[in-house]
C-alpha atoms as a PDB file:
ATOM      1  CA  UNK A   1     115.654 -69.647 -29.764  1.00  0.00           C
ATOM      2  CA  UNK A   2     113.008 -72.222 -30.290  1.00  0.00           C
ATOM      3  CA  UNK A   3     113.661 -75.509 -28.528  1.00  0.00           C
ATOM      4  CA  UNK A   4     112.292 -78.891 -31.033  1.00  0.00           C
ATOM      5  CA  UNK A   5     111.631 -81.878 -29.181  1.00  0.00           C
ATOM      6  CA  UNK A   6     112.543 -85.086 -31.905  1.00  0.00           C
ATOM      7  CA  UNK A   7     109.102 -87.621 -32.529  1.00  0.00           C
ATOM      8  CA  UNK A   8     109.291 -90.379 -30.426  1.00  0.00           C
ATOM      9  CA  UNK A   9     108.261 -93.228 -32.316  1.00  0.00           C
ATOM     10  CA  UNK A  10     106.662 -95.327 -29.425  1.00  0.00           C
ATOM     11  CA  UNK A  11     106.699 -98.764 -30.992  1.00  0.00           C
ATOM     12  CA  UNK A  12     110.666 -98.134 -31.310  1.00  0.00           C
ATOM     13  CA  UNK A  13     111.301 -97.182 -27.802  1.00  0.00           C
ATOM     14  CA  UNK A  14     108.814 -99.691 -26.120  1.00  0.00           C
ATOM     15  CA  UNK A  15     110.587-102.368 -28.095  1.00  0.00           C
ATOM     16  CA  UNK A  16     114.001-101.057 -27.227  1.00  0.00           C
ATOM     17  CA  UNK A  17     112.954-100.945 -23.275  1.00  0.00           C
ATOM     18  CA  UNK A  18     111.371-104.863 -23.552  1.00  0.00           C
ATOM     19  CA  UNK A  19     114.978-106.125 -25.120  1.00  0.00           C
ATOM     20  CA  UNK A  20     116.398-103.858 -21.991  1.00  0.00           C
ATOM     21  CA  UNK A  21     114.198-105.757 -19.827  1.00  0.00           C
ATOM     22  CA  UNK A  22     115.629-109.357 -21.444  1.00  0.00           C
ATOM     23  CA  UNK A  23     118.693-108.616 -20.834  1.00  0.00           C
ATOM     24  CA  UNK A  24     118.214-108.050 -17.238  1.00  0.00           C
ATOM     25  CA  UNK A  25     116.516-110.735 -16.472  1.00  0.00           C
ATOM     26  CA  UNK A  26     118.998-113.694 -18.482  1.00  0.00           C
ATOM     27  CA  UNK A  27     121.297-112.263 -16.774  1.00  0.00           C
ATOM     28  CA  UNK A  28     119.721-112.474 -12.675  1.00  0.00           C
ATOM     29  CA  UNK A  29     118.548-115.694 -13.750  1.00  0.00           C
ATOM     30  CA  UNK A  30     121.254-117.175 -15.546  1.00  0.00           C
ATOM     31  CA  UNK A  31     123.801-115.590 -12.616  1.00  0.00           C
ATOM     32  CA  UNK A  32     125.273-113.559 -15.648  1.00  0.00           C
ATOM     33  CA  UNK A  33     126.333-116.939 -17.976  1.00  0.00           C
ATOM     34  CA  UNK A  34     123.615-115.632 -20.714  1.00  0.00           C
ATOM     35  CA  UNK A  35     121.955-112.223 -21.853  1.00  0.00           C
ATOM     36  CA  UNK A  36     119.854-113.447 -23.978  1.00  0.00           C
ATOM     37  CA  UNK A  37     118.284-116.863 -22.046  1.00  0.00           C
ATOM     38  CA  UNK A  38     114.366-114.844 -22.768  1.00  0.00           C
ATOM     39  CA  UNK A  39     113.818-112.342 -25.071  1.00  0.00           C
ATOM     40  CA  UNK A  40     110.790-110.835 -27.157  1.00  0.00           C
ATOM     41  CA  UNK A  41     108.123-113.625 -27.860  1.00  0.00           C
ATOM     42  CA  UNK A  42     107.031-113.354 -31.108  1.00  0.00           C
ATOM     43  CA  UNK A  43     104.877-110.161 -32.397  1.00  0.00           C
ATOM     44  CA  UNK A  44     105.174-109.807 -28.815  1.00  0.00           C
ATOM     45  CA  UNK A  45     102.205-111.469 -27.643  1.00  0.00           C
ATOM     46  CA  UNK A  46     100.381-110.498 -30.860  1.00  0.00           C
ATOM     47  CA  UNK A  47     100.361-114.062 -32.209  1.00  0.00           C
ATOM     48  CA  UNK A  48      98.802-115.098 -28.912  1.00  0.00           C
ATOM     49  CA  UNK A  49      97.036-112.378 -28.551  1.00  0.00           C
ATOM     50  CA  UNK A  50      95.051-113.256 -31.514  1.00  0.00           C
ATOM     51  CA  UNK A  51      94.670-117.261 -31.080  1.00  0.00           C
ATOM     52  CA  UNK A  52      93.504-116.015 -27.633  1.00  0.00           C
ATOM     53  CA  UNK A  53      90.534-113.784 -28.914  1.00  0.00           C
ATOM     54  CA  UNK A  54      89.720-116.676 -31.702  1.00  0.00           C
ATOM     55  CA  UNK A  55      89.366-118.965 -28.411  1.00  0.00           C
ATOM     56  CA  UNK A  56      92.794-121.534 -30.121  1.00  0.00           C
ATOM     57  CA  UNK A  57      93.668-123.078 -27.219  1.00  0.00           C
ATOM     58  CA  UNK A  58      97.304-124.459 -26.907  1.00  0.00           C
ATOM     59  CA  UNK A  59     100.960-124.894 -25.262  1.00  0.00           C
ATOM     60  CA  UNK A  60     102.168-122.019 -27.903  1.00  0.00           C
ATOM     61  CA  UNK A  61      99.328-119.641 -26.798  1.00  0.00           C
ATOM     62  CA  UNK A  62     100.357-119.978 -23.366  1.00  0.00           C
ATOM     63  CA  UNK A  63     104.377-120.005 -24.129  1.00  0.00           C
ATOM     64  CA  UNK A  64     103.701-116.455 -26.754  1.00  0.00           C
ATOM     65  CA  UNK A  65     101.759-115.243 -24.701  1.00  0.00           C
ATOM     66  CA  UNK A  66     103.408-111.911 -22.986  1.00  0.00           C
ATOM     67  CA  UNK A  67     106.071-110.092 -23.772  1.00  0.00           C
ATOM     68  CA  UNK A  68     108.820-111.532 -22.610  1.00  0.00           C
ATOM     69  CA  UNK A  69     109.955-115.507 -23.008  1.00  0.00           C
ATOM     70  CA  UNK A  70     112.797-117.604 -22.662  1.00  0.00           C
ATOM     71  CA  UNK A  71     114.215-118.670 -25.071  1.00  0.00           C
ATOM     72  CA  UNK A  72     116.946-121.217 -23.801  1.00  0.00           C
ATOM     73  CA  UNK A  73     115.551-124.904 -23.403  1.00  0.00           C
ATOM     74  CA  UNK A  74     114.596-126.247 -20.217  1.00  0.00           C
ATOM     75  CA  UNK A  75     116.260-127.861 -18.049  1.00  0.00           C
ATOM     76  CA  UNK A  76     119.976-125.521 -18.305  1.00  0.00           C
ATOM     77  CA  UNK A  77     119.071-122.597 -16.148  1.00  0.00           C
ATOM     78  CA  UNK A  78     116.249-124.534 -13.453  1.00  0.00           C
ATOM     79  CA  UNK A  79     115.464-120.626 -11.854  1.00  0.00           C
ATOM     80  CA  UNK A  80     115.005-119.405 -15.456  1.00  0.00           C
ATOM     81  CA  UNK A  81     112.381-122.130 -15.667  1.00  0.00           C
ATOM     82  CA  UNK A  82     110.753-122.070 -12.220  1.00  0.00           C
ATOM     83  CA  UNK A  83     110.309-117.905 -13.658  1.00  0.00           C
ATOM     84  CA  UNK A  84     108.727-118.805 -16.490  1.00  0.00           C
ATOM     85  CA  UNK A  85     106.680-121.548 -15.511  1.00  0.00           C
ATOM     86  CA  UNK A  86     105.464-119.158 -13.039  1.00  0.00           C
ATOM     87  CA  UNK A  87     105.378-115.343 -14.382  1.00  0.00           C
ATOM     88  CA  UNK A  88     104.168-114.013 -17.626  1.00  0.00           C
ATOM     89  CA  UNK A  89     105.275-110.720 -17.965  1.00  0.00           C
ATOM     90  CA  UNK A  90     103.533-107.283 -19.775  1.00  0.00           C
ATOM     91  CA  UNK A  91     106.096-104.363 -20.414  1.00  0.00           C
ATOM     92  CA  UNK A  92     105.386-101.112 -20.524  1.00  0.00           C
ATOM     93  CA  UNK A  93     107.466 -97.926 -20.912  1.00  0.00           C
ATOM     94  CA  UNK A  94     104.862 -95.006 -21.165  1.00  0.00           C
ATOM     95  CA  UNK A  95     105.807 -90.970 -20.992  1.00  0.00           C
ATOM     96  CA  UNK A  96     103.259 -90.846 -17.982  1.00  0.00           C
ATOM     97  CA  UNK A  97     102.136 -93.618 -15.876  1.00  0.00           C
ATOM     98  CA  UNK A  98     100.069 -92.770 -12.981  1.00  0.00           C
ATOM     99  CA  UNK A  99     100.826 -94.627  -9.126  1.00  0.00           C
ATOM    100  CA  UNK A 100      98.296 -91.705  -7.605  1.00  0.00           C
ATOM    101  CA  UNK A 101      94.616 -92.335  -6.835  1.00  0.00           C
ATOM    102  CA  UNK A 102      92.239 -92.640  -8.907  1.00  0.00           C
ATOM    103  CA  UNK A 103      93.843 -95.143 -10.499  1.00  0.00           C
ATOM    104  CA  UNK A 104      91.086 -96.457 -12.329  1.00  0.00           C
ATOM    105  CA  UNK A 105      91.473 -93.004 -14.996  1.00  0.00           C
ATOM    106  CA  UNK A 106      94.948 -93.112 -15.346  1.00  0.00           C
ATOM    107  CA  UNK A 107      97.832 -94.543 -17.957  1.00  0.00           C
ATOM    108  CA  UNK A 108      97.584 -97.667 -14.988  1.00  0.00           C
ATOM    109  CA  UNK A 109      94.537 -99.303 -14.768  1.00  0.00           C
ATOM    110  CA  UNK A 110      94.687-100.022 -18.644  1.00  0.00           C
ATOM    111  CA  UNK A 111      98.428-101.199 -17.873  1.00  0.00           C
ATOM    112  CA  UNK A 112      96.704-103.382 -15.226  1.00  0.00           C
ATOM    113  CA  UNK A 113      94.058-105.058 -17.242  1.00  0.00           C
ATOM    114  CA  UNK A 114      95.870-106.169 -19.995  1.00  0.00           C
ATOM    115  CA  UNK A 115      98.157-107.180 -16.975  1.00  0.00           C
ATOM    116  CA  UNK A 116      94.905-109.269 -15.329  1.00  0.00           C
ATOM    117  CA  UNK A 117      93.585-111.343 -18.990  1.00  0.00           C
ATOM    118  CA  UNK A 118      96.599-112.398 -19.280  1.00  0.00           C
ATOM    119  CA  UNK A 119      96.526-113.967 -15.963  1.00  0.00           C
ATOM    120  CA  UNK A 120      94.257-115.371 -16.937  1.00  0.00           C
ATOM    121  CA  UNK A 121      95.099-116.469 -20.722  1.00  0.00           C
ATOM    122  CA  UNK A 122      98.108-117.775 -18.943  1.00  0.00           C
ATOM    123  CA  UNK A 123      96.998-118.985 -15.527  1.00  0.00           C
ATOM    124  CA  UNK A 124     100.355-117.940 -14.520  1.00  0.00           C
ATOM    125  CA  UNK A 125     100.860-114.969 -11.919  1.00  0.00           C
ATOM    126  CA  UNK A 126     101.247-111.131 -13.804  1.00  0.00           C
ATOM    127  CA  UNK A 127     104.381-109.010 -13.623  1.00  0.00           C
ATOM    128  CA  UNK A 128     103.795-105.670 -15.213  1.00  0.00           C
ATOM    129  CA  UNK A 129     107.154-104.107 -15.900  1.00  0.00           C
ATOM    130  CA  UNK A 130     106.726-101.047 -16.726  1.00  0.00           C
ATOM    131  CA  UNK A 131     109.321 -97.136 -16.994  1.00  0.00           C
ATOM    132  CA  UNK A 132     108.133 -94.288 -16.961  1.00  0.00           C
ATOM    133  CA  UNK A 133     110.921 -91.704 -18.259  1.00  0.00           C
ATOM    134  CA  UNK A 134     113.194 -90.412 -17.067  1.00  0.00           C
ATOM    135  CA  UNK A 135     112.803 -92.732 -13.304  1.00  0.00           C
ATOM    136  CA  UNK A 136     113.733 -96.602 -12.791  1.00  0.00           C
ATOM    137  CA  UNK A 137     111.773 -99.486 -13.532  1.00  0.00           C
ATOM    138  CA  UNK A 138     109.148-101.092 -11.895  1.00  0.00           C
ATOM    139  CA  UNK A 139     107.448-103.965 -10.669  1.00  0.00           C
ATOM    140  CA  UNK A 140     104.189-104.663  -9.733  1.00  0.00           C
ATOM    141  CA  UNK A 141     102.468-107.722  -9.557  1.00  0.00           C
ATOM    142  CA  UNK A 142      99.773-109.364  -7.388  1.00  0.00           C
ATOM    143  CA  UNK A 143     102.713-111.251  -5.362  1.00  0.00           C
ATOM    144  CA  UNK A 144     103.497-109.853  -1.936  1.00  0.00           C
ATOM    145  CA  UNK A 145     106.689-110.531  -1.310  1.00  0.00           C
ATOM    146  CA  UNK A 146     108.184-108.257   2.037  1.00  0.00           C
ATOM    147  CA  UNK A 147     110.389-105.835   0.196  1.00  0.00           C
ATOM    148  CA  UNK A 148     107.858-104.348  -2.294  1.00  0.00           C
ATOM    149  CA  UNK A 149     107.892-100.903  -2.621  1.00  0.00           C
ATOM    150  CA  UNK A 150     104.302 -99.839  -1.673  1.00  0.00           C
ATOM    151  CA  UNK A 151     101.159-100.999  -2.358  1.00  0.00           C
ATOM    152  CA  UNK A 152      97.476-100.099  -3.930  1.00  0.00           C
ATOM    153  CA  UNK A 153      94.556-101.769  -4.928  1.00  0.00           C
ATOM    154  CA  UNK A 154      92.685-101.951  -7.854  1.00  0.00           C
ATOM    155  CA  UNK A 155      89.775-103.690  -8.592  1.00  0.00           C
ATOM    156  CA  UNK A 156      89.627-104.627  -5.342  1.00  0.00           C
ATOM    157  CA  UNK A 157      92.516-106.286  -5.463  1.00  0.00           C
ATOM    158  CA  UNK A 158      96.015-105.369  -4.116  1.00  0.00           C
ATOM    159  CA  UNK A 159      98.928-104.852  -5.983  1.00  0.00           C
ATOM    160  CA  UNK A 160     102.178-104.764  -5.199  1.00  0.00           C
ATOM    161  CA  UNK A 161     104.969-102.599  -6.610  1.00  0.00           C
ATOM    162  CA  UNK A 162     108.671-103.434  -6.331  1.00  0.00           C
ATOM    163  CA  UNK A 163     111.848-101.189  -7.044  1.00  0.00           C
ATOM    164  CA  UNK A 164     113.919-102.910  -9.837  1.00  0.00           C
ATOM    165  CA  UNK A 165     113.416-106.216 -11.890  1.00  0.00           C
ATOM    166  CA  UNK A 166     116.472-107.473  -9.582  1.00  0.00           C
ATOM    167  CA  UNK A 167     114.540-106.402  -6.376  1.00  0.00           C
ATOM    168  CA  UNK A 168     111.793-108.361  -7.106  1.00  0.00           C
ATOM    169  CA  UNK A 169     113.085-111.512  -8.217  1.00  0.00           C
ATOM    170  CA  UNK A 170     115.953-111.307  -5.353  1.00  0.00           C
END
């Protein structure tokens, strides 16, 4: 008997993952009062990327950079405001994410490079939120909190990995 595997639409998979992340972050930062306090950026960061390449600097470019942005007005939920003032988010859902050496040659390196550029463009701390197929969500960042599950170096920069969004935020 032949087994037929359905072809996965990577863009739809990535968009669904971003929506899932938005709902989790929204719930945590609004004490479960809102499920869409943040949402996918316009063009999932594409507009901001285009403007940055053209060296167009504006508040729009910073607000719409990355994959997720705050959609509720400032002042409604202070924890939400603080979070998005501090962090810029890049989301990646992928078949395989290489956390083992050599990191420099795998998918994780590409994702880290995108996140480092996001940090440079926004002047915020980059959060790389990743999910490998059939695995749990992990948060990768340069921010060192006491509850990380592993750390590694990439381009002489220390990165820390957290087991889930809730673990990182709390």
